[in-house]
Structure formats: structure tokens, C-alpha cells
Amino acid sequence: MNYMTRVLYFFLFASSPVAVYAVDIPSVDEGSAGYNQEMCIEETTNNCIDTICLTSSAIDCEDQCRSDATDKCQQLADE
């Protein structure tokens, strides 16, 4: 096998699609649901504050972000 054939096979092999499967193992710890809920609320609130409150003139923007985040994360948990 000459050099060019080896290079061709290498690129064909390297560029071939490879399936990777991730396994989602549900958590057994019952406390993790509350932790995930709090993480959801914190991340969603911070995202809202960083994107909306910086340009908003509303006095209660941060409180509104937290309230909206709580509602949104509760809906996600109920699904």
C-alpha cells in the first residue's frame, strides 16, 4: 500500500461518522430534585438579570426575574 492510499484511508476513517450515545442515569437521591429546582431558579434569574435588568428602568426588575424564574422552573418540573 503506497503512502497516498494510506493517507486517503486515514482521512476516510477520520471523517466517518461515529455515533456516541450518552446515558442519562436518573438520580436516586430525592434531595437532588430540590437542588435542581434551586439551580434552575438561580440560573434563570441570573440570565434574566444579565439580559433584561441591565437595560430596564423597572425598580423591581430583579424581583420580577426571580418570580418568573420560579414559575418557569416549576412548570418544567411538573412536565
PDB file of N, CA and C in Angstrom:
ATOM      1  N   MET A   1       0.858  -1.167   0.000  1.00  0.00           N
ATOM      2  CA  MET A   1       0.000   0.000   0.000  1.00  0.00           C
ATOM      3  C   MET A   1       0.906   1.233   0.000  1.00  0.00           C
ATOM      4  N   ASN A   2       0.681   2.090  -0.940  1.00  0.00           N
ATOM      5  CA  ASN A   2       1.539   3.256  -1.011  1.00  0.00           C
ATOM      6  C   ASN A   2       1.090   4.352  -0.046  1.00  0.00           C
ATOM      7  N   TYR A   3       1.894   5.366   0.056  1.00  0.00           N
ATOM      8  CA  TYR A   3       1.671   6.458   1.009  1.00  0.00           C
ATOM      9  C   TYR A   3       0.350   7.183   0.774  1.00  0.00           C
ATOM     10  N   MET A   4       0.032   7.480  -0.466  1.00  0.00           N
ATOM     11  CA  MET A   4      -1.194   8.220  -0.790  1.00  0.00           C
ATOM     12  C   MET A   4      -2.439   7.400  -0.437  1.00  0.00           C
ATOM     13  N   THR A   5      -2.390   6.117  -0.626  1.00  0.00           N
ATOM     14  CA  THR A   5      -3.526   5.270  -0.280  1.00  0.00           C
ATOM     15  C   THR A   5      -3.734   5.265   1.225  1.00  0.00           C
ATOM     16  N   ARG A   6      -2.654   5.194   1.981  1.00  0.00           N
ATOM     17  CA  ARG A   6      -2.756   5.228   3.436  1.00  0.00           C
ATOM     18  C   ARG A   6      -3.351   6.557   3.914  1.00  0.00           C
ATOM     19  N   VAL A   7      -2.902   7.641   3.320  1.00  0.00           N
ATOM     20  CA  VAL A   7      -3.420   8.962   3.688  1.00  0.00           C
ATOM     21  C   VAL A   7      -4.901   9.048   3.351  1.00  0.00           C
ATOM     22  N   LEU A   8      -5.290   8.534   2.197  1.00  0.00           N
ATOM     23  CA  LEU A   8      -6.695   8.539   1.793  1.00  0.00           C
ATOM     24  C   LEU A   8      -7.543   7.735   2.762  1.00  0.00           C
ATOM     25  N   TYR A   9      -7.074   6.525   3.111  1.00  0.00           N
ATOM     26  CA  TYR A   9      -7.810   5.712   4.079  1.00  0.00           C
ATOM     27  C   TYR A   9      -7.890   6.394   5.442  1.00  0.00           C
ATOM     28  N   PHE A  10      -6.813   7.040   5.842  1.00  0.00           N
ATOM     29  CA  PHE A  10      -6.822   7.745   7.124  1.00  0.00           C
ATOM     30  C   PHE A  10      -7.897   8.831   7.141  1.00  0.00           C
ATOM     31  N   PHE A  11      -7.963   9.648   6.098  1.00  0.00           N
ATOM     32  CA  PHE A  11      -8.956  10.721   6.065  1.00  0.00           C
ATOM     33  C   PHE A  11     -10.378  10.179   5.947  1.00  0.00           C
ATOM     34  N   LEU A  12     -10.565   9.099   5.220  1.00  0.00           N
ATOM     35  CA  LEU A  12     -11.884   8.493   5.136  1.00  0.00           C
ATOM     36  C   LEU A  12     -12.319   7.954   6.498  1.00  0.00           C
ATOM     37  N   PHE A  13     -11.402   7.297   7.195  1.00  0.00           N
ATOM     38  CA  PHE A  13     -11.713   6.766   8.515  1.00  0.00           C
ATOM     39  C   PHE A  13     -11.943   7.893   9.518  1.00  0.00           C
ATOM     40  N   ALA A  14     -11.090   8.909   9.476  1.00  0.00           N
ATOM     41  CA  ALA A  14     -11.183  10.011  10.433  1.00  0.00           C
ATOM     42  C   ALA A  14     -12.439  10.848  10.226  1.00  0.00           C
ATOM     43  N   SER A  15     -12.933  10.902   9.004  1.00  0.00           N
ATOM     44  CA  SER A  15     -14.107  11.738   8.748  1.00  0.00           C
ATOM     45  C   SER A  15     -15.410  10.951   8.753  1.00  0.00           C
ATOM     46  N   SER A  16     -15.350   9.656   8.978  1.00  0.00           N
ATOM     47  CA  SER A  16     -16.580   8.868   9.002  1.00  0.00           C
ATOM     48  C   SER A  16     -17.359   9.177  10.271  1.00  0.00           C
ATOM     49  N   PRO A  17     -18.675   9.182  10.173  1.00  0.00           N
ATOM     50  CA  PRO A  17     -19.479   9.499  11.356  1.00  0.00           C
ATOM     51  C   PRO A  17     -19.382   8.396  12.396  1.00  0.00           C
ATOM     52  N   VAL A  18     -19.237   8.822  13.620  1.00  0.00           N
ATOM     53  CA  VAL A  18     -19.156   7.893  14.734  1.00  0.00           C
ATOM     54  C   VAL A  18     -20.269   8.259  15.704  1.00  0.00           C
ATOM     55  N   ALA A  19     -21.110   7.293  16.024  1.00  0.00           N
ATOM     56  CA  ALA A  19     -22.231   7.542  16.928  1.00  0.00           C
ATOM     57  C   ALA A  19     -21.749   7.439  18.369  1.00  0.00           C
ATOM     58  N   VAL A  20     -22.114   8.429  19.145  1.00  0.00           N
ATOM     59  CA  VAL A  20     -21.777   8.440  20.562  1.00  0.00           C
ATOM     60  C   VAL A  20     -23.081   8.566  21.322  1.00  0.00           C
ATOM     61  N   TYR A  21     -23.305   7.654  22.230  1.00  0.00           N
ATOM     62  CA  TYR A  21     -24.539   7.654  22.991  1.00  0.00           C
ATOM     63  C   TYR A  21     -24.234   8.015  24.438  1.00  0.00           C
ATOM     64  N   ALA A  22     -24.962   8.973  24.951  1.00  0.00           N
ATOM     65  CA  ALA A  22     -24.839   9.348  26.351  1.00  0.00           C
ATOM     66  C   ALA A  22     -25.977   8.697  27.112  1.00  0.00           C
ATOM     67  N   VAL A  23     -25.660   8.185  28.244  1.00  0.00           N
ATOM     68  CA  VAL A  23     -26.659   7.527  29.069  1.00  0.00           C
ATOM     69  C   VAL A  23     -27.064   8.480  30.179  1.00  0.00           C
ATOM     70  N   ASP A  24     -28.349   8.748  30.259  1.00  0.00           N
ATOM     71  CA  ASP A  24     -28.871   9.618  31.309  1.00  0.00           C
ATOM     72  C   ASP A  24     -29.332   8.722  32.451  1.00  0.00           C
ATOM     73  N   ILE A  25     -28.569   8.725  33.525  1.00  0.00           N
ATOM     74  CA  ILE A  25     -28.902   7.889  34.667  1.00  0.00           C
ATOM     75  C   ILE A  25     -29.674   8.757  35.657  1.00  0.00           C
ATOM     76  N   PRO A  26     -30.929   8.417  35.902  1.00  0.00           N
ATOM     77  CA  PRO A  26     -31.711   9.237  36.825  1.00  0.00           C
ATOM     78  C   PRO A  26     -31.126   9.168  38.230  1.00  0.00           C
ATOM     79  N   SER A  27     -31.196  10.274  38.906  1.00  0.00           N
ATOM     80  CA  SER A  27     -30.654  10.356  40.256  1.00  0.00           C
ATOM     81  C   SER A  27     -31.589   9.675  41.242  1.00  0.00           C
ATOM     82  N   VAL A  28     -31.021   8.936  42.151  1.00  0.00           N
ATOM     83  CA  VAL A  28     -31.807   8.237  43.149  1.00  0.00           C
ATOM     84  C   VAL A  28     -32.038   9.127  44.361  1.00  0.00           C
ATOM     85  N   ASP A  29     -31.164  10.085  44.549  1.00  0.00           N
ATOM     86  CA  ASP A  29     -31.248  10.974  45.697  1.00  0.00           C
ATOM     87  C   ASP A  29     -32.468  11.873  45.576  1.00  0.00           C
ATOM     88  N   GLU A  30     -33.386  11.766  46.535  1.00  0.00           N
ATOM     89  CA  GLU A  30     -34.615  12.563  46.477  1.00  0.00           C
ATOM     90  C   GLU A  30     -34.337  14.044  46.685  1.00  0.00           C
ATOM     91  N   GLY A  31     -33.280  14.378  47.391  1.00  0.00           N
ATOM     92  CA  GLY A  31     -32.940  15.784  47.626  1.00  0.00           C
ATOM     93  C   GLY A  31     -32.426  16.476  46.386  1.00  0.00           C
ATOM     94  N   SER A  32     -32.019  15.703  45.386  1.00  0.00           N
ATOM     95  CA  SER A  32     -31.467  16.315  44.184  1.00  0.00           C
ATOM     96  C   SER A  32     -32.524  17.066  43.391  1.00  0.00           C
ATOM     97  N   ALA A  33     -33.792  16.656  43.507  1.00  0.00           N
ATOM     98  CA  ALA A  33     -34.860  17.357  42.777  1.00  0.00           C
ATOM     99  C   ALA A  33     -34.965  18.795  43.266  1.00  0.00           C
ATOM    100  N   GLY A  34     -34.916  18.982  44.570  1.00  0.00           N
ATOM    101  CA  GLY A  34     -34.963  20.332  45.115  1.00  0.00           C
ATOM    102  C   GLY A  34     -33.732  21.130  44.741  1.00  0.00           C
ATOM    103  N   TYR A  35     -32.588  20.463  44.725  1.00  0.00           N
ATOM    104  CA  TYR A  35     -31.345  21.123  44.342  1.00  0.00           C
ATOM    105  C   TYR A  35     -31.403  21.556  42.887  1.00  0.00           C
ATOM    106  N   ASN A  36     -31.880  20.671  42.020  1.00  0.00           N
ATOM    107  CA  ASN A  36     -32.001  21.012  40.609  1.00  0.00           C
ATOM    108  C   ASN A  36     -32.993  22.145  40.403  1.00  0.00           C
ATOM    109  N   GLN A  37     -34.049  22.164  41.188  1.00  0.00           N
ATOM    110  CA  GLN A  37     -35.042  23.238  41.112  1.00  0.00           C
ATOM    111  C   GLN A  37     -34.389  24.566  41.493  1.00  0.00           C
ATOM    112  N   GLU A  38     -33.622  24.558  42.566  1.00  0.00           N
ATOM    113  CA  GLU A  38     -32.946  25.784  43.001  1.00  0.00           C
ATOM    114  C   GLU A  38     -31.915  26.237  41.978  1.00  0.00           C
ATOM    115  N   MET A  39     -31.191  25.284  41.396  1.00  0.00           N
ATOM    116  CA  MET A  39     -30.211  25.634  40.363  1.00  0.00           C
ATOM    117  C   MET A  39     -30.908  26.243  39.149  1.00  0.00           C
ATOM    118  N   CYS A  40     -32.042  25.685  38.773  1.00  0.00           N
ATOM    119  CA  CYS A  40     -32.815  26.210  37.655  1.00  0.00           C
ATOM    120  C   CYS A  40     -33.242  27.648  37.938  1.00  0.00           C
ATOM    121  N   ILE A  41     -33.748  27.869  39.142  1.00  0.00           N
ATOM    122  CA  ILE A  41     -34.214  29.210  39.512  1.00  0.00           C
ATOM    123  C   ILE A  41     -33.053  30.197  39.519  1.00  0.00           C
ATOM    124  N   GLU A  42     -31.924  29.799  40.100  1.00  0.00           N
ATOM    125  CA  GLU A  42     -30.765  30.697  40.169  1.00  0.00           C
ATOM    126  C   GLU A  42     -30.234  31.032  38.779  1.00  0.00           C
ATOM    127  N   GLU A  43     -30.072  30.017  37.932  1.00  0.00           N
ATOM    128  CA  GLU A  43     -29.540  30.252  36.589  1.00  0.00           C
ATOM    129  C   GLU A  43     -30.492  31.100  35.749  1.00  0.00           C
ATOM    130  N   THR A  44     -31.780  30.800  35.828  1.00  0.00           N
ATOM    131  CA  THR A  44     -32.766  31.551  35.052  1.00  0.00           C
ATOM    132  C   THR A  44     -32.859  32.988  35.548  1.00  0.00           C
ATOM    133  N   THR A  45     -32.816  33.175  36.860  1.00  0.00           N
ATOM    134  CA  THR A  45     -32.856  34.526  37.433  1.00  0.00           C
ATOM    135  C   THR A  45     -31.634  35.321  37.005  1.00  0.00           C
ATOM    136  N   ASN A  46     -30.458  34.722  37.125  1.00  0.00           N
ATOM    137  CA  ASN A  46     -29.226  35.423  36.745  1.00  0.00           C
ATOM    138  C   ASN A  46     -29.221  35.771  35.268  1.00  0.00           C
ATOM    139  N   ASN A  47     -29.708  34.873  34.428  1.00  0.00           N
ATOM    140  CA  ASN A  47     -29.777  35.139  32.998  1.00  0.00           C
ATOM    141  C   ASN A  47     -30.705  36.318  32.713  1.00  0.00           C
ATOM    142  N   CYS A  48     -31.842  36.345  33.387  1.00  0.00           N
ATOM    143  CA  CYS A  48     -32.802  37.438  33.218  1.00  0.00           C
ATOM    144  C   CYS A  48     -32.184  38.768  33.663  1.00  0.00           C
ATOM    145  N   ILE A  49     -31.543  38.750  34.819  1.00  0.00           N
ATOM    146  CA  ILE A  49     -30.932  39.981  35.337  1.00  0.00           C
ATOM    147  C   ILE A  49     -29.854  40.478  34.385  1.00  0.00           C
ATOM    148  N   ASP A  50     -29.025  39.550  33.883  1.00  0.00           N
ATOM    149  CA  ASP A  50     -27.931  39.935  32.993  1.00  0.00           C
ATOM    150  C   ASP A  50     -28.418  40.451  31.651  1.00  0.00           C
ATOM    151  N   THR A  51     -29.559  39.965  31.179  1.00  0.00           N
ATOM    152  CA  THR A  51     -30.012  40.367  29.851  1.00  0.00           C
ATOM    153  C   THR A  51     -31.080  41.454  29.877  1.00  0.00           C
ATOM    154  N   ILE A  52     -31.941  41.446  30.882  1.00  0.00           N
ATOM    155  CA  ILE A  52     -33.074  42.375  30.877  1.00  0.00           C
ATOM    156  C   ILE A  52     -32.883  43.542  31.845  1.00  0.00           C
ATOM    157  N   CYS A  53     -32.465  43.235  33.062  1.00  0.00           N
ATOM    158  CA  CYS A  53     -32.411  44.280  34.092  1.00  0.00           C
ATOM    159  C   CYS A  53     -31.327  45.326  33.841  1.00  0.00           C
ATOM    160  N   LEU A  54     -30.307  44.961  33.090  1.00  0.00           N
ATOM    161  CA  LEU A  54     -29.249  45.932  32.824  1.00  0.00           C
ATOM    162  C   LEU A  54     -29.742  47.111  31.998  1.00  0.00           C
ATOM    163  N   THR A  55     -30.756  46.878  31.177  1.00  0.00           N
ATOM    164  CA  THR A  55     -31.277  47.950  30.333  1.00  0.00           C
ATOM    165  C   THR A  55     -32.672  48.399  30.744  1.00  0.00           C
ATOM    166  N   SER A  56     -33.205  47.785  31.793  1.00  0.00           N
ATOM    167  CA  SER A  56     -34.559  48.107  32.228  1.00  0.00           C
ATOM    168  C   SER A  56     -34.537  49.218  33.273  1.00  0.00           C
ATOM    169  N   SER A  57     -35.577  50.025  33.257  1.00  0.00           N
ATOM    170  CA  SER A  57     -35.697  51.075  34.267  1.00  0.00           C
ATOM    171  C   SER A  57     -36.653  50.670  35.390  1.00  0.00           C
ATOM    172  N   ALA A  58     -37.163  49.437  35.337  1.00  0.00           N
ATOM    173  CA  ALA A  58     -38.086  48.955  36.361  1.00  0.00           C
ATOM    174  C   ALA A  58     -37.362  48.803  37.699  1.00  0.00           C
ATOM    175  N   ILE A  59     -37.991  49.264  38.740  1.00  0.00           N
ATOM    176  CA  ILE A  59     -37.393  49.220  40.072  1.00  0.00           C
ATOM    177  C   ILE A  59     -37.339  47.787  40.598  1.00  0.00           C
ATOM    178  N   ASP A  60     -38.357  47.003  40.314  1.00  0.00           N
ATOM    179  CA  ASP A  60     -38.458  45.646  40.850  1.00  0.00           C
ATOM    180  C   ASP A  60     -38.054  44.586  39.826  1.00  0.00           C
ATOM    181  N   CYS A  61     -37.152  44.919  38.921  1.00  0.00           N
ATOM    182  CA  CYS A  61     -36.782  44.007  37.841  1.00  0.00           C
ATOM    183  C   CYS A  61     -36.210  42.699  38.390  1.00  0.00           C
ATOM    184  N   GLU A  62     -35.326  42.766  39.358  1.00  0.00           N
ATOM    185  CA  GLU A  62     -34.712  41.554  39.900  1.00  0.00           C
ATOM    186  C   GLU A  62     -35.749  40.672  40.599  1.00  0.00           C
ATOM    187  N   ASP A  63     -36.663  41.298  41.330  1.00  0.00           N
ATOM    188  CA  ASP A  63     -37.728  40.525  41.976  1.00  0.00           C
ATOM    189  C   ASP A  63     -38.627  39.867  40.940  1.00  0.00           C
ATOM    190  N   GLN A  64     -38.920  40.590  39.870  1.00  0.00           N
ATOM    191  CA  GLN A  64     -39.758  40.036  38.807  1.00  0.00           C
ATOM    192  C   GLN A  64     -39.041  38.883  38.095  1.00  0.00           C
ATOM    193  N   CYS A  65     -37.730  39.027  37.900  1.00  0.00           N
ATOM    194  CA  CYS A  65     -36.954  37.943  37.290  1.00  0.00           C
ATOM    195  C   CYS A  65     -37.027  36.687  38.150  1.00  0.00           C
ATOM    196  N   ARG A  66     -36.881  36.830  39.460  1.00  0.00           N
ATOM    197  CA  ARG A  66     -36.923  35.673  40.358  1.00  0.00           C
ATOM    198  C   ARG A  66     -38.307  35.031  40.332  1.00  0.00           C
ATOM    199  N   SER A  67     -39.348  35.855  40.330  1.00  0.00           N
ATOM    200  CA  SER A  67     -40.702  35.325  40.290  1.00  0.00           C
ATOM    201  C   SER A  67     -40.964  34.569  38.983  1.00  0.00           C
ATOM    202  N   ASP A  68     -40.553  35.147  37.873  1.00  0.00           N
ATOM    203  CA  ASP A  68     -40.727  34.493  36.575  1.00  0.00           C
ATOM    204  C   ASP A  68     -39.918  33.201  36.496  1.00  0.00           C
ATOM    205  N   ALA A  69     -38.699  33.220  37.045  1.00  0.00           N
ATOM    206  CA  ALA A  69     -37.845  32.033  37.034  1.00  0.00           C
ATOM    207  C   ALA A  69     -38.467  30.917  37.870  1.00  0.00           C
ATOM    208  N   THR A  70     -39.026  31.282  39.005  1.00  0.00           N
ATOM    209  CA  THR A  70     -39.674  30.285  39.865  1.00  0.00           C
ATOM    210  C   THR A  70     -40.842  29.631  39.136  1.00  0.00           C
ATOM    211  N   ASP A  71     -41.657  30.444  38.480  1.00  0.00           N
ATOM    212  CA  ASP A  71     -42.792  29.916  37.724  1.00  0.00           C
ATOM    213  C   ASP A  71     -42.333  29.011  36.580  1.00  0.00           C
ATOM    214  N   LYS A  72     -41.324  29.469  35.843  1.00  0.00           N
ATOM    215  CA  LYS A  72     -40.834  28.706  34.693  1.00  0.00           C
ATOM    216  C   LYS A  72     -40.252  27.370  35.140  1.00  0.00           C
ATOM    217  N   CYS A  73     -39.449  27.376  36.185  1.00  0.00           N
ATOM    218  CA  CYS A  73     -38.827  26.140  36.663  1.00  0.00           C
ATOM    219  C   CYS A  73     -39.847  25.198  37.277  1.00  0.00           C
ATOM    220  N   GLN A  74     -40.883  25.749  37.866  1.00  0.00           N
ATOM    221  CA  GLN A  74     -41.953  24.898  38.407  1.00  0.00           C
ATOM    222  C   GLN A  74     -42.695  24.207  37.269  1.00  0.00           C
ATOM    223  N   GLN A  75     -42.948  24.939  36.191  1.00  0.00           N
ATOM    224  CA  GLN A  75     -43.607  24.329  35.031  1.00  0.00           C
ATOM    225  C   GLN A  75     -42.747  23.220  34.445  1.00  0.00           C
ATOM    226  N   LEU A  76     -41.430  23.452  34.360  1.00  0.00           N
ATOM    227  CA  LEU A  76     -40.530  22.423  33.830  1.00  0.00           C
ATOM    228  C   LEU A  76     -40.517  21.195  34.731  1.00  0.00           C
ATOM    229  N   ALA A  77     -40.591  21.397  36.036  1.00  0.00           N
ATOM    230  CA  ALA A  77     -40.583  20.279  36.978  1.00  0.00           C
ATOM    231  C   ALA A  77     -41.878  19.471  36.894  1.00  0.00           C
ATOM    232  N   ASP A  78     -42.984  20.156  36.585  1.00  0.00           N
ATOM    233  CA  ASP A  78     -44.282  19.488  36.509  1.00  0.00           C
ATOM    234  C   ASP A  78     -44.454  18.660  35.243  1.00  0.00           C
ATOM    235  N   GLU A  79     -43.659  18.954  34.224  1.00  0.00           N
ATOM    236  CA  GLU A  79     -43.798  18.253  32.940  1.00  0.00           C
ATOM    237  C   GLU A  79     -43.296  16.855  33.000  1.00  0.00           C
TER     238      GLU A  79
END
